[in-house]
Amino acid sequence: MRYFDRLQPLALLALRIALGVVMIAHGYPKVFGGTQKVIHMISSLGLPGWMAYLVAGAEFFGGICVLIGLFTRFAALTIFIDMSVAIWKVHLKNGLLGPGGYDFPLALAAIAFALIFLGGGPIALDHIRGGTGRGWSAKPKKS
């Protein structure tokens, strides 16, 4: 089992790549050309239209940050919130499986949730810039 422990950084990288690529792909059209459609859709759900900018930013820019491992925990938190609201307001009524079901957003939310608590790992820009990559505490200062 120790062999698998040494592969944990690769597992975190795989989670980051999967979540980042999917979120960038979903956020790109919202940021570059589809904002008015998103505003209309968000408004039709009974939410303020300005939240479309938060959705687009969380998906596209959050996806980029998760992918490269920069501000991973914060970016994963924004994605988790985005997916939770999407499940609640859009997908829940369609059930778990089938067209418009919440199975896919639930899987994305679960990956984001894990990254909130595990961080980006050692193969991330967070680690290079001095973040710990694990735990909630900051790197201790040397006296």
C-alpha atoms as a PDB file:
ATOM      1  CA  MET A   1       0.000   0.000   0.000  1.00  0.00           C
ATOM      2  CA  ARG A   2       2.931   2.364   0.474  1.00  0.00           C
ATOM      3  CA  TYR A   3       3.449   2.264  -3.283  1.00  0.00           C
ATOM      4  CA  PHE A   4       0.028   3.819  -3.758  1.00  0.00           C
ATOM      5  CA  ASP A   5       0.781   6.464  -1.143  1.00  0.00           C
ATOM      6  CA  ARG A   6       3.690   7.644  -3.280  1.00  0.00           C
ATOM      7  CA  LEU A   7       1.312   8.058  -6.229  1.00  0.00           C
ATOM      8  CA  GLN A   8      -1.041  10.440  -4.393  1.00  0.00           C
ATOM      9  CA  PRO A   9       0.461  13.514  -6.118  1.00  0.00           C
ATOM     10  CA  LEU A  10      -0.446  11.964  -9.479  1.00  0.00           C
ATOM     11  CA  ALA A  11      -3.968  11.247  -8.246  1.00  0.00           C
ATOM     12  CA  LEU A  12      -4.423  14.893  -7.258  1.00  0.00           C
ATOM     13  CA  LEU A  13      -3.038  15.956 -10.625  1.00  0.00           C
ATOM     14  CA  ALA A  14      -5.533  13.656 -12.384  1.00  0.00           C
ATOM     15  CA  LEU A  15      -8.407  15.151 -10.381  1.00  0.00           C
ATOM     16  CA  ARG A  16      -7.235  18.675 -11.195  1.00  0.00           C
ATOM     17  CA  ILE A  17      -6.853  17.939 -14.905  1.00  0.00           C
ATOM     18  CA  ALA A  18     -10.270  16.290 -15.187  1.00  0.00           C
ATOM     19  CA  LEU A  19     -12.095  19.032 -13.284  1.00  0.00           C
ATOM     20  CA  GLY A  20     -10.136  21.870 -14.877  1.00  0.00           C
ATOM     21  CA  VAL A  21     -10.619  20.734 -18.471  1.00  0.00           C
ATOM     22  CA  VAL A  22     -14.362  20.143 -18.039  1.00  0.00           C
ATOM     23  CA  MET A  23     -14.909  23.473 -16.277  1.00  0.00           C
ATOM     24  CA  ILE A  24     -12.896  25.417 -18.865  1.00  0.00           C
ATOM     25  CA  ALA A  25     -14.895  23.755 -21.654  1.00  0.00           C
ATOM     26  CA  HIS A  26     -18.181  24.717 -19.972  1.00  0.00           C
ATOM     27  CA  GLY A  27     -17.056  28.206 -18.994  1.00  0.00           C
ATOM     28  CA  TYR A  28     -15.406  29.260 -22.264  1.00  0.00           C
ATOM     29  CA  PRO A  29     -18.632  29.836 -24.214  1.00  0.00           C
ATOM     30  CA  LYS A  30     -20.116  31.685 -21.237  1.00  0.00           C
ATOM     31  CA  VAL A  31     -17.161  34.085 -21.038  1.00  0.00           C
ATOM     32  CA  PHE A  32     -16.585  34.539 -24.770  1.00  0.00           C
ATOM     33  CA  GLY A  33     -19.879  35.258 -26.439  1.00  0.00           C
ATOM     34  CA  GLY A  34     -22.641  33.588 -24.483  1.00  0.00           C
ATOM     35  CA  THR A  35     -23.007  35.888 -21.504  1.00  0.00           C
ATOM     36  CA  GLN A  36     -26.421  37.226 -22.532  1.00  0.00           C
ATOM     37  CA  LYS A  37     -27.810  33.689 -22.826  1.00  0.00           C
ATOM     38  CA  VAL A  38     -26.440  32.849 -19.385  1.00  0.00           C
ATOM     39  CA  ILE A  39     -27.927  36.037 -17.900  1.00  0.00           C
ATOM     40  CA  HIS A  40     -31.316  35.089 -19.356  1.00  0.00           C
ATOM     41  CA  MET A  41     -31.044  31.509 -18.066  1.00  0.00           C
ATOM     42  CA  ILE A  42     -29.942  32.618 -14.579  1.00  0.00           C
ATOM     43  CA  SER A  43     -32.777  35.168 -14.441  1.00  0.00           C
ATOM     44  CA  SER A  44     -35.312  32.511 -15.458  1.00  0.00           C
ATOM     45  CA  LEU A  45     -34.265  30.508 -12.390  1.00  0.00           C
ATOM     46  CA  GLY A  46     -35.242  33.371 -10.107  1.00  0.00           C
ATOM     47  CA  LEU A  47     -31.662  34.434  -9.442  1.00  0.00           C
ATOM     48  CA  PRO A  48     -30.232  37.888 -10.169  1.00  0.00           C
ATOM     49  CA  GLY A  49     -28.835  38.195 -13.703  1.00  0.00           C
ATOM     50  CA  TRP A  50     -25.480  39.505 -12.471  1.00  0.00           C
ATOM     51  CA  MET A  51     -24.786  36.058 -11.040  1.00  0.00           C
ATOM     52  CA  ALA A  52     -24.150  34.898 -14.617  1.00  0.00           C
ATOM     53  CA  TYR A  53     -20.790  36.664 -14.397  1.00  0.00           C
ATOM     54  CA  LEU A  54     -19.969  34.707 -11.239  1.00  0.00           C
ATOM     55  CA  VAL A  55     -20.960  31.453 -12.929  1.00  0.00           C
ATOM     56  CA  ALA A  56     -18.872  32.194 -16.021  1.00  0.00           C
ATOM     57  CA  GLY A  57     -15.894  33.262 -13.918  1.00  0.00           C
ATOM     58  CA  ALA A  58     -16.103  30.288 -11.575  1.00  0.00           C
ATOM     59  CA  GLU A  59     -16.282  27.861 -14.465  1.00  0.00           C
ATOM     60  CA  PHE A  60     -13.705  29.353 -16.829  1.00  0.00           C
ATOM     61  CA  PHE A  61     -11.186  31.066 -14.565  1.00  0.00           C
ATOM     62  CA  GLY A  62     -11.762  28.601 -11.718  1.00  0.00           C
ATOM     63  CA  GLY A  63     -11.141  25.789 -14.183  1.00  0.00           C
ATOM     64  CA  ILE A  64      -7.860  27.376 -15.290  1.00  0.00           C
ATOM     65  CA  CYS A  65      -6.728  27.836 -11.688  1.00  0.00           C
ATOM     66  CA  VAL A  66      -7.606  24.245 -10.767  1.00  0.00           C
ATOM     67  CA  LEU A  67      -5.881  22.928 -13.885  1.00  0.00           C
ATOM     68  CA  ILE A  68      -2.577  24.682 -13.142  1.00  0.00           C
ATOM     69  CA  GLY A  69      -2.914  24.308  -9.394  1.00  0.00           C
ATOM     70  CA  LEU A  70      -3.003  28.015  -8.541  1.00  0.00           C
ATOM     71  CA  PHE A  71      -5.272  29.082  -5.661  1.00  0.00           C
ATOM     72  CA  THR A  72      -6.616  25.548  -5.951  1.00  0.00           C
ATOM     73  CA  ARG A  73      -8.679  25.496  -2.769  1.00  0.00           C
ATOM     74  CA  PHE A  74     -10.446  28.788  -3.505  1.00  0.00           C
ATOM     75  CA  ALA A  75     -11.051  27.873  -7.153  1.00  0.00           C
ATOM     76  CA  ALA A  76     -12.390  24.460  -6.124  1.00  0.00           C
ATOM     77  CA  LEU A  77     -14.693  26.158  -3.603  1.00  0.00           C
ATOM     78  CA  THR A  78     -16.150  28.422  -6.306  1.00  0.00           C
ATOM     79  CA  ILE A  79     -16.667  25.418  -8.590  1.00  0.00           C
ATOM     80  CA  PHE A  80     -18.258  23.441  -5.752  1.00  0.00           C
ATOM     81  CA  ILE A  81     -20.702  26.274  -5.063  1.00  0.00           C
ATOM     82  CA  ASP A  82     -21.415  26.637  -8.797  1.00  0.00           C
ATOM     83  CA  MET A  83     -22.147  22.923  -9.182  1.00  0.00           C
ATOM     84  CA  SER A  84     -24.239  22.806  -5.993  1.00  0.00           C
ATOM     85  CA  VAL A  85     -26.453  25.632  -7.221  1.00  0.00           C
ATOM     86  CA  ALA A  86     -26.654  24.035 -10.693  1.00  0.00           C
ATOM     87  CA  ILE A  87     -27.820  20.763  -9.126  1.00  0.00           C
ATOM     88  CA  TRP A  88     -30.325  22.537  -6.881  1.00  0.00           C
ATOM     89  CA  LYS A  89     -31.802  24.968  -9.407  1.00  0.00           C
ATOM     90  CA  VAL A  90     -31.474  23.085 -12.732  1.00  0.00           C
ATOM     91  CA  HIS A  91     -30.754  19.364 -12.527  1.00  0.00           C
ATOM     92  CA  LEU A  92     -32.456  18.049  -9.379  1.00  0.00           C
ATOM     93  CA  LYS A  93     -35.916  17.984 -10.950  1.00  0.00           C
ATOM     94  CA  ASN A  94     -34.595  15.650 -13.693  1.00  0.00           C
ATOM     95  CA  GLY A  95     -33.425  12.983 -11.264  1.00  0.00           C
ATOM     96  CA  LEU A  96     -30.023  11.377 -10.941  1.00  0.00           C
ATOM     97  CA  LEU A  97     -29.773   9.738 -14.364  1.00  0.00           C
ATOM     98  CA  GLY A  98     -31.016  10.562 -17.828  1.00  0.00           C
ATOM     99  CA  PRO A  99     -31.265  13.782 -19.819  1.00  0.00           C
ATOM    100  CA  GLY A 100     -30.445  16.780 -17.645  1.00  0.00           C
ATOM    101  CA  GLY A 101     -29.838  14.590 -14.608  1.00  0.00           C
ATOM    102  CA  TYR A 102     -27.546  15.637 -11.794  1.00  0.00           C
ATOM    103  CA  ASP A 103     -25.094  12.731 -12.036  1.00  0.00           C
ATOM    104  CA  PHE A 104     -22.410  14.691 -13.928  1.00  0.00           C
ATOM    105  CA  PRO A 105     -22.614  17.923 -11.870  1.00  0.00           C
ATOM    106  CA  LEU A 106     -22.569  15.779  -8.730  1.00  0.00           C
ATOM    107  CA  ALA A 107     -19.341  14.085  -9.833  1.00  0.00           C
ATOM    108  CA  LEU A 108     -17.769  17.491 -10.588  1.00  0.00           C
ATOM    109  CA  ALA A 109     -18.904  18.831  -7.215  1.00  0.00           C
ATOM    110  CA  ALA A 110     -17.390  15.798  -5.461  1.00  0.00           C
ATOM    111  CA  ILE A 111     -14.032  16.326  -7.199  1.00  0.00           C
ATOM    112  CA  ALA A 112     -14.114  20.018  -6.271  1.00  0.00           C
ATOM    113  CA  PHE A 113     -15.025  19.132  -2.681  1.00  0.00           C
ATOM    114  CA  ALA A 114     -12.034  16.800  -2.424  1.00  0.00           C
ATOM    115  CA  LEU A 115      -9.690  19.468  -3.808  1.00  0.00           C
ATOM    116  CA  ILE A 116     -10.966  22.016  -1.276  1.00  0.00           C
ATOM    117  CA  PHE A 117      -9.650  19.821   1.530  1.00  0.00           C
ATOM    118  CA  LEU A 118      -6.687  18.125  -0.159  1.00  0.00           C
ATOM    119  CA  GLY A 119      -5.316  21.097  -2.080  1.00  0.00           C
ATOM    120  CA  GLY A 120      -3.510  20.845  -5.392  1.00  0.00           C
ATOM    121  CA  GLY A 121      -0.693  18.636  -4.145  1.00  0.00           C
ATOM    122  CA  PRO A 122       3.016  18.923  -4.845  1.00  0.00           C
ATOM    123  CA  ILE A 123       2.562  19.027  -8.644  1.00  0.00           C
ATOM    124  CA  ALA A 124       0.851  22.419  -8.520  1.00  0.00           C
ATOM    125  CA  LEU A 125       1.770  26.084  -8.698  1.00  0.00           C
ATOM    126  CA  ASP A 126       0.424  26.463  -5.154  1.00  0.00           C
ATOM    127  CA  HIS A 127       3.225  24.198  -3.956  1.00  0.00           C
ATOM    128  CA  ILE A 128       5.849  26.090  -5.947  1.00  0.00           C
ATOM    129  CA  ARG A 129       4.683  29.491  -4.684  1.00  0.00           C
ATOM    130  CA  GLY A 130       5.067  28.316  -1.097  1.00  0.00           C
ATOM    131  CA  GLY A 131       1.674  26.871  -0.250  1.00  0.00           C
ATOM    132  CA  THR A 132       1.661  23.618   1.664  1.00  0.00           C
ATOM    133  CA  GLY A 133      -0.523  21.757  -0.808  1.00  0.00           C
ATOM    134  CA  ARG A 134      -2.124  19.932   2.130  1.00  0.00           C
ATOM    135  CA  GLY A 135      -4.122  20.966   5.154  1.00  0.00           C
ATOM    136  CA  TRP A 136      -5.661  24.338   5.961  1.00  0.00           C
ATOM    137  CA  SER A 137      -2.732  25.945   7.735  1.00  0.00           C
ATOM    138  CA  ALA A 138      -0.192  28.192   6.100  1.00  0.00           C
ATOM    139  CA  LYS A 139       3.467  27.279   5.895  1.00  0.00           C
ATOM    140  CA  PRO A 140       5.082  27.987   9.279  1.00  0.00           C
ATOM    141  CA  LYS A 141       7.499  30.899   9.409  1.00  0.00           C
ATOM    142  CA  LYS A 142      11.090  30.170  10.277  1.00  0.00           C
ATOM    143  CA  SER A 143      12.397  32.230  13.183  1.00  0.00           C
END
